[in-house]
Amino acid sequence: MQIVTDTGMDLYLPPELMPEIPIHVVPHTITLDGISYRSGVDIQPAELQQKLMATTSFPITSQPAGGEFADMYKKLAANGDPDILSINMSSGLSGTVNAAKAGAEMSPEANVTIIDTKTLCAVQGWQVAAAARALKAGWSKDQILALIKKIGDASESMYTLDELKYLIHGGRIGHMKGLLASMLRIRPLIGVEKVGGTYSQLGMARTFDQALHGLVDLMLKYHKTGSDLRVQVLHSYNEKAVLALREMIAPVFNCNFMPINYMSPALAAHTGPTMVGVAFASMDVFKDVP
């Protein structure tokens, strides 16, 4: 079996947790000022944000086409292993899952199982990495599917940001609601709900510092003080704030911190440079991962 995913994923893990088999990534496309870039291929996270800050234009993102998934599935099947596990970002936030399904229909030579993670970013990366490690260890497909679901069910993602214009323009929050929030300088606290895999508003704050503290308060709704957690803080282009968030979280929980890194350009195009987020789950969830 082989693993395919997309650039809705962030995979930044310590070397000892990195999977030992190839992960095949089908990229999203970002178009800015008339130029199209493949996320993570033609443009990297910091470069994208630098370009955004230098233009008055807004980016447009597009999911991979079904044909791009088909090309990947066919290529992998031709290498002698037609069984493919395609682990894709939430259908509630992107049409990527539908594109993967279309690609599978165009690839009868491949036996593709498509997973709608109902999440994205760091948690999707954790699922992909765990699946790859389990595959390397000889787990069955059903066991791997159960592991992916277990990690998704137990993990939470949430973020905040200091500037709303990219979310408003991209339709991620209602236009009038977003304009009002911008005028009042309200910073939203946003999560990913698990039923539809869509964004949900978890709260709001008057200042960005209060919003960062609000993320920690939200974490405490899921896990008590001192809990053993895997934690990954990430950002679009806001290193000062992401370091501050990590410092706020560290004394509250017993954290196994993943490396700080940028979120995928395909995601950060919708947030602009100020976004800071956190993904977390109980360490018990990962104890059986090979």
Protein backbone atom coordinates (compact mmCIF):
# COMPACT_ATOMS: atom_id res chain seq x y z
CA MET A 1 0.00 0.00 0.00
CA GLN A 2 1.11 3.55 -0.74
CA ILE A 3 0.08 6.84 0.87
CA VAL A 4 -1.08 9.97 -0.94
CA THR A 5 -2.09 13.27 0.64
CA ASP A 6 -2.42 16.94 -0.28
CA THR A 7 -1.01 20.28 0.81
CA GLY A 8 -3.79 20.89 3.30
CA MET A 9 -1.37 18.98 5.51
CA ASP A 10 1.54 20.18 7.62
CA LEU A 11 4.04 17.44 8.45
CA TYR A 12 6.64 18.80 10.84
CA LEU A 13 7.74 16.13 13.29
CA PRO A 14 10.98 15.35 15.13
CA PRO A 15 13.25 13.00 13.15
CA GLU A 16 12.46 10.08 15.45
CA LEU A 17 8.75 10.37 14.60
CA MET A 18 9.09 10.82 10.86
CA PRO A 19 7.69 7.98 8.77
CA GLU A 20 10.19 5.78 6.99
CA ILE A 21 8.24 5.32 3.76
CA PRO A 22 7.55 7.89 1.02
CA ILE A 23 4.50 10.12 1.30
CA HIS A 24 3.21 11.32 -2.06
CA VAL A 25 1.75 14.85 -2.03
CA VAL A 26 -0.62 16.38 -4.60
CA PRO A 27 -0.35 20.18 -4.28
CA HIS A 28 -2.98 22.90 -4.22
CA THR A 29 -2.48 25.95 -6.42
CA ILE A 30 -2.19 29.57 -5.26
CA THR A 31 -2.67 32.38 -7.77
CA LEU A 32 -1.45 35.87 -6.89
CA ASP A 33 -1.05 38.83 -9.22
CA GLY A 34 -1.71 36.60 -12.22
CA ILE A 35 0.98 34.06 -11.37
CA SER A 36 0.11 30.53 -10.23
CA TYR A 37 2.22 28.57 -7.77
CA ARG A 38 1.99 25.00 -6.52
CA SER A 39 1.83 25.10 -2.74
CA GLY A 40 5.08 23.89 -1.21
CA VAL A 41 6.60 23.28 -4.65
CA ASP A 42 6.86 26.60 -6.46
CA ILE A 43 6.35 28.75 -3.39
CA GLN A 44 7.22 28.30 0.27
CA PRO A 45 5.33 29.72 3.29
CA ALA A 46 7.52 32.73 4.10
CA GLU A 47 7.83 33.67 0.43
CA LEU A 48 4.05 33.69 0.03
CA GLN A 49 3.51 36.00 3.00
CA GLN A 50 6.24 38.35 1.79
CA LYS A 51 4.47 38.56 -1.56
CA LEU A 52 1.12 39.20 0.14
CA MET A 53 2.55 42.07 2.16
CA ALA A 54 4.01 43.60 -1.00
CA THR A 55 0.75 43.67 -2.99
CA THR A 56 -2.79 44.98 -2.69
CA SER A 57 -4.10 41.88 -4.44
CA PHE A 58 -5.63 38.88 -2.71
CA PRO A 59 -4.62 35.30 -3.44
CA ILE A 60 -6.91 32.70 -4.97
CA THR A 61 -6.42 29.07 -4.07
CA SER A 62 -7.66 26.04 -5.95
CA GLN A 63 -7.71 22.38 -5.05
CA PRO A 64 -5.88 19.84 -7.19
CA ALA A 65 -7.87 18.72 -10.21
CA GLY A 66 -9.17 15.18 -10.41
CA GLY A 67 -6.71 14.59 -13.23
CA GLU A 68 -3.79 15.48 -10.97
CA PHE A 69 -4.88 12.87 -8.46
CA ALA A 70 -5.42 10.41 -11.32
CA ASP A 71 -1.89 11.03 -12.59
CA MET A 72 -0.52 10.30 -9.12
CA TYR A 73 -2.63 7.18 -8.59
CA LYS A 74 -1.76 5.80 -12.04
CA LYS A 75 1.95 6.45 -11.54
CA LEU A 76 1.96 4.68 -8.19
CA ALA A 77 -0.08 1.75 -9.50
CA ALA A 78 2.35 1.38 -12.39
CA ASN A 79 5.17 0.95 -9.87
CA GLY A 80 3.71 -2.40 -8.85
CA ASP A 81 1.51 -1.61 -5.85
CA PRO A 82 -2.04 -0.62 -6.83
CA ASP A 83 -3.31 -0.28 -3.24
CA ILE A 84 -3.36 3.39 -2.29
CA LEU A 85 -4.54 5.19 0.83
CA SER A 86 -5.42 8.81 0.01
CA ILE A 87 -5.62 10.89 3.20
CA ASN A 88 -7.12 14.26 2.36
CA MET A 89 -8.06 17.54 4.01
CA SER A 90 -11.60 18.13 5.23
CA SER A 91 -14.38 18.09 2.65
CA GLY A 92 -16.00 20.82 4.76
CA LEU A 93 -13.21 23.24 3.85
CA SER A 94 -12.18 22.19 0.36
CA GLY A 95 -13.28 20.19 -2.66
CA THR A 96 -10.07 18.17 -2.45
CA VAL A 97 -11.83 14.98 -1.36
CA ASN A 98 -14.18 15.18 -4.35
CA ALA A 99 -11.20 15.73 -6.64
CA ALA A 100 -9.51 12.67 -5.13
CA LYS A 101 -12.67 10.63 -5.73
CA ALA A 102 -12.80 11.81 -9.34
CA GLY A 103 -9.14 10.89 -9.73
CA ALA A 104 -9.82 7.41 -8.37
CA GLU A 105 -12.64 6.92 -10.88
CA MET A 106 -10.22 7.83 -13.65
CA SER A 107 -7.69 5.29 -12.35
CA PRO A 108 -9.27 1.82 -12.55
CA GLU A 109 -5.83 0.23 -12.34
CA ALA A 110 -5.45 1.60 -8.81
CA ASN A 111 -7.32 0.43 -5.71
CA VAL A 112 -7.78 3.76 -3.92
CA THR A 113 -9.25 4.20 -0.44
CA ILE A 114 -10.04 7.87 0.18
CA ILE A 115 -10.12 9.28 3.71
CA ASP A 116 -11.94 12.52 4.45
CA THR A 117 -10.04 13.55 7.59
CA LYS A 118 -12.56 16.28 8.52
CA THR A 119 -9.48 18.24 9.59
CA LEU A 120 -6.35 19.78 8.12
CA CYS A 121 -2.93 21.22 8.88
CA ALA A 122 -0.99 19.69 11.80
CA VAL A 123 -3.58 17.06 12.75
CA GLN A 124 -3.79 15.84 9.17
CA GLY A 125 -0.01 15.62 9.21
CA TRP A 126 -0.11 13.54 12.40
CA GLN A 127 -2.61 11.18 10.77
CA VAL A 128 -0.52 10.82 7.63
CA ALA A 129 2.69 10.20 9.58
CA ALA A 130 1.06 7.66 11.90
CA ALA A 131 -0.49 5.84 8.93
CA ALA A 132 2.88 5.67 7.20
CA ARG A 133 4.60 4.31 10.31
CA ALA A 134 1.83 1.73 10.81
CA LEU A 135 2.10 0.70 7.18
CA LYS A 136 5.85 0.28 7.56
CA ALA A 137 5.19 -1.92 10.61
CA GLY A 138 2.89 -4.20 8.63
CA TRP A 139 -0.49 -3.11 9.95
CA SER A 140 -3.59 -4.01 7.93
CA LYS A 141 -5.60 -1.36 6.13
CA ASP A 142 -8.45 -1.64 8.64
CA GLN A 143 -6.03 -1.13 11.52
CA ILE A 144 -4.57 1.93 9.82
CA LEU A 145 -8.00 3.39 9.13
CA ALA A 146 -8.93 2.93 12.79
CA LEU A 147 -5.70 4.66 13.85
CA ILE A 148 -6.39 7.64 11.57
CA LYS A 149 -9.87 8.00 13.03
CA LYS A 150 -8.60 7.65 16.59
CA ILE A 151 -6.11 10.49 16.11
CA GLY A 152 -8.70 12.69 14.40
CA ASP A 153 -11.30 12.11 17.11
CA ALA A 154 -8.86 12.94 19.90
CA SER A 155 -7.16 15.98 18.35
CA GLU A 156 -8.19 19.62 18.30
CA SER A 157 -7.05 22.51 16.12
CA MET A 158 -7.67 26.18 16.76
CA TYR A 159 -6.20 29.49 15.73
CA THR A 160 -6.49 33.23 15.92
CA LEU A 161 -5.16 36.16 13.93
CA ASP A 162 -4.65 39.90 14.21
CA GLU A 163 -5.91 40.88 10.76
CA LEU A 164 -9.17 39.68 9.20
CA LYS A 165 -9.10 41.00 5.64
CA TYR A 166 -7.84 37.74 4.12
CA LEU A 167 -10.49 35.65 5.88
CA ILE A 168 -13.18 38.10 4.79
CA HIS A 169 -12.03 38.19 1.19
CA GLY A 170 -11.75 34.42 1.01
CA GLY A 171 -15.26 33.93 2.35
CA ARG A 172 -14.06 32.04 5.41
CA ILE A 173 -16.19 34.37 7.54
CA GLY A 174 -19.29 36.28 6.46
CA HIS A 175 -18.52 39.56 4.75
CA MET A 176 -20.67 41.85 6.89
CA LYS A 177 -19.83 39.99 10.08
CA GLY A 178 -16.16 40.17 9.17
CA LEU A 179 -16.25 43.87 8.37
CA LEU A 180 -17.93 44.59 11.69
CA ALA A 181 -15.33 42.53 13.53
CA SER A 182 -12.56 44.39 11.69
CA MET A 183 -14.03 47.77 12.58
CA LEU A 184 -14.27 46.77 16.23
CA ARG A 185 -10.80 45.16 16.09
CA ILE A 186 -12.20 41.86 17.38
CA ARG A 187 -9.92 38.84 17.10
CA PRO A 188 -11.82 35.59 16.54
CA LEU A 189 -10.89 32.24 18.06
CA ILE A 190 -11.56 29.65 15.37
CA GLY A 191 -11.63 25.85 15.57
CA VAL A 192 -12.45 22.92 13.30
CA GLU A 193 -15.61 21.05 14.25
CA LYS A 194 -15.59 17.30 13.73
CA VAL A 195 -18.99 16.52 12.17
CA GLY A 196 -18.73 18.50 8.95
CA GLY A 197 -15.06 19.42 9.28
CA THR A 198 -15.81 23.13 8.94
CA TYR A 199 -14.52 26.17 10.78
CA SER A 200 -16.43 27.18 13.91
CA GLN A 201 -16.11 30.29 16.04
CA LEU A 202 -15.04 29.36 19.56
CA GLY A 203 -14.87 32.85 21.01
CA MET A 204 -13.43 36.30 20.48
CA ALA A 205 -11.07 38.74 22.13
CA ARG A 206 -10.49 42.47 22.07
CA THR A 207 -6.71 42.29 21.75
CA PHE A 208 -4.38 39.83 20.08
CA ASP A 209 -2.66 39.05 23.38
CA GLN A 210 -6.04 38.22 24.91
CA ALA A 211 -6.75 36.01 21.90
CA LEU A 212 -3.54 34.04 22.51
CA HIS A 213 -4.50 33.55 26.14
CA GLY A 214 -7.95 32.57 24.91
CA LEU A 215 -6.46 29.67 22.98
CA VAL A 216 -4.88 28.36 26.18
CA ASP A 217 -8.19 28.74 28.01
CA LEU A 218 -9.89 26.73 25.28
CA MET A 219 -7.29 23.98 25.60
CA LEU A 220 -8.23 23.72 29.29
CA LYS A 221 -11.79 22.90 28.26
CA TYR A 222 -10.47 19.68 26.73
CA HIS A 223 -7.62 18.74 29.09
CA LYS A 224 -6.95 19.52 32.72
CA THR A 225 -3.83 21.30 33.93
CA GLY A 226 -0.76 19.07 33.84
CA SER A 227 -2.13 16.68 31.20
CA ASP A 228 0.37 14.92 28.94
CA LEU A 229 -0.22 16.41 25.51
CA ARG A 230 1.27 16.41 22.06
CA VAL A 231 1.25 20.08 21.07
CA GLN A 232 2.13 21.73 17.80
CA VAL A 233 2.11 25.51 17.57
CA LEU A 234 2.30 26.96 14.10
CA HIS A 235 1.99 30.26 12.30
CA SER A 236 1.68 31.86 8.90
CA TYR A 237 4.42 34.50 9.33
CA ASN A 238 4.25 35.58 12.96
CA GLU A 239 7.23 34.15 14.81
CA LYS A 240 7.01 36.51 17.78
CA ALA A 241 3.40 35.55 18.50
CA VAL A 242 3.89 31.82 18.01
CA LEU A 243 6.79 31.84 20.47
CA ALA A 244 4.63 33.78 22.93
CA LEU A 245 1.83 31.21 22.55
CA ARG A 246 4.23 28.37 23.20
CA GLU A 247 5.45 30.11 26.36
CA MET A 248 1.86 30.47 27.55
CA ILE A 249 1.07 26.80 26.97
CA ALA A 250 4.26 25.28 28.38
CA PRO A 251 3.61 25.84 32.11
CA VAL A 252 -0.03 24.71 31.89
CA PHE A 253 0.41 21.22 30.43
CA ASN A 254 3.10 18.56 30.28
CA CYS A 255 3.84 19.15 26.62
CA ASN A 256 5.57 17.06 24.01
CA PHE A 257 6.08 19.96 21.62
CA MET A 258 6.43 19.29 17.92
CA PRO A 259 8.75 21.62 15.99
CA ILE A 260 7.47 25.13 15.37
CA ASN A 261 6.99 25.75 11.70
CA TYR A 262 4.95 27.60 9.11
CA MET A 263 1.55 26.33 8.07
CA SER A 264 1.07 25.19 4.49
CA PRO A 265 0.98 28.03 1.94
CA ALA A 266 -2.33 26.67 0.62
CA LEU A 267 -3.87 27.34 4.05
CA ALA A 268 -1.96 30.48 5.00
CA ALA A 269 -3.12 32.19 1.81
CA HIS A 270 -6.51 32.51 3.53
CA THR A 271 -5.18 33.98 6.78
CA GLY A 272 -2.44 36.43 5.87
CA PRO A 273 0.73 36.86 7.91
CA THR A 274 -0.68 37.27 11.44
CA MET A 275 -2.20 33.81 12.02
CA VAL A 276 -1.09 31.72 15.02
CA GLY A 277 -2.56 28.34 15.88
CA VAL A 278 -2.24 25.23 18.00
CA ALA A 279 -3.04 21.56 17.54
CA PHE A 280 -3.12 19.22 20.52
CA ALA A 281 -4.10 15.76 21.69
CA SER A 282 -3.50 13.46 24.63
CA MET A 283 -0.23 11.57 24.39
CA ASP A 284 -2.20 8.38 25.13
CA VAL A 285 -3.53 8.54 21.57
CA PHE A 286 -0.06 7.97 20.15
CA LYS A 287 1.22 5.29 22.53
CA ASP A 288 0.47 2.44 20.11
CA VAL A 289 1.83 4.16 16.99
CA PRO A 290 4.83 2.13 15.80
